[in-house]
Amino acid sequence: MATMVQGRVADPMRKFRFAVHTTDARLPPGRVGFSEIDGLGLGDIDTDEYREGNEPPTLRKMLGLTKYGDITFKKGLDLGRHLESWHELAKGDDPDIQFSDNSGGPRISPNVRSESLFVSLMDRVKDEVIYRVVLKNCMPKQFSYDNLSATDSGVLVVSFTVSIEGAAVVQPGPFSVPR
């Protein structure tokens, strides 16, 4: 069934105008530009089957755990090393940031390396958000460079993969993470 908007059939959302927003101090404030996002989803819910011997000969389905896949962001490499810095911080390889546990050894606090990101689909013409997904508790997982070639004059693309603990559709507006 087609969705109606103001008496006419609504067009499907386009996927070529999007922005990623963050409120993290380690990343540039506001929008972070990417050329591609792969793996965006709202999670997969496991189902468990159960039946007792005195029940009808059909299995009952019960909802189980929700699992979230990794999200990969791709963009042209720029000189503002924000994503690399976040990845280095998560690994504990940033020499400028030192944390220690009770034993005196270096460690990185889990609170330092997770952040929520907002992926917003934008109107085709206006600079207006029409759909938004929040990715909860993102943790840097992988940072890699595209292949280098002396015969290719294309843009050097980096891939930045994050693991997430949750995802939800939220109303466009102020950036707030639902519980």
Foldseek 3Di string as FASTA:
>chain_A
DFDDDPHHGDDDADDQAKWKAFPDPLADHGTDDFRDKPQDDFWDWDWDWDDDPVDPPDTDIDTDDTAGDKMKTKHFDDDPCSLVVLQCLLVQNDPVDFDADPVRDTDHDLVSFWTKMKMFRADPPDRHGDWIKIFGGWGWDDKAWDDDDPVDPDTIMIMTMTGGDGMDIDDPDDDDDDD
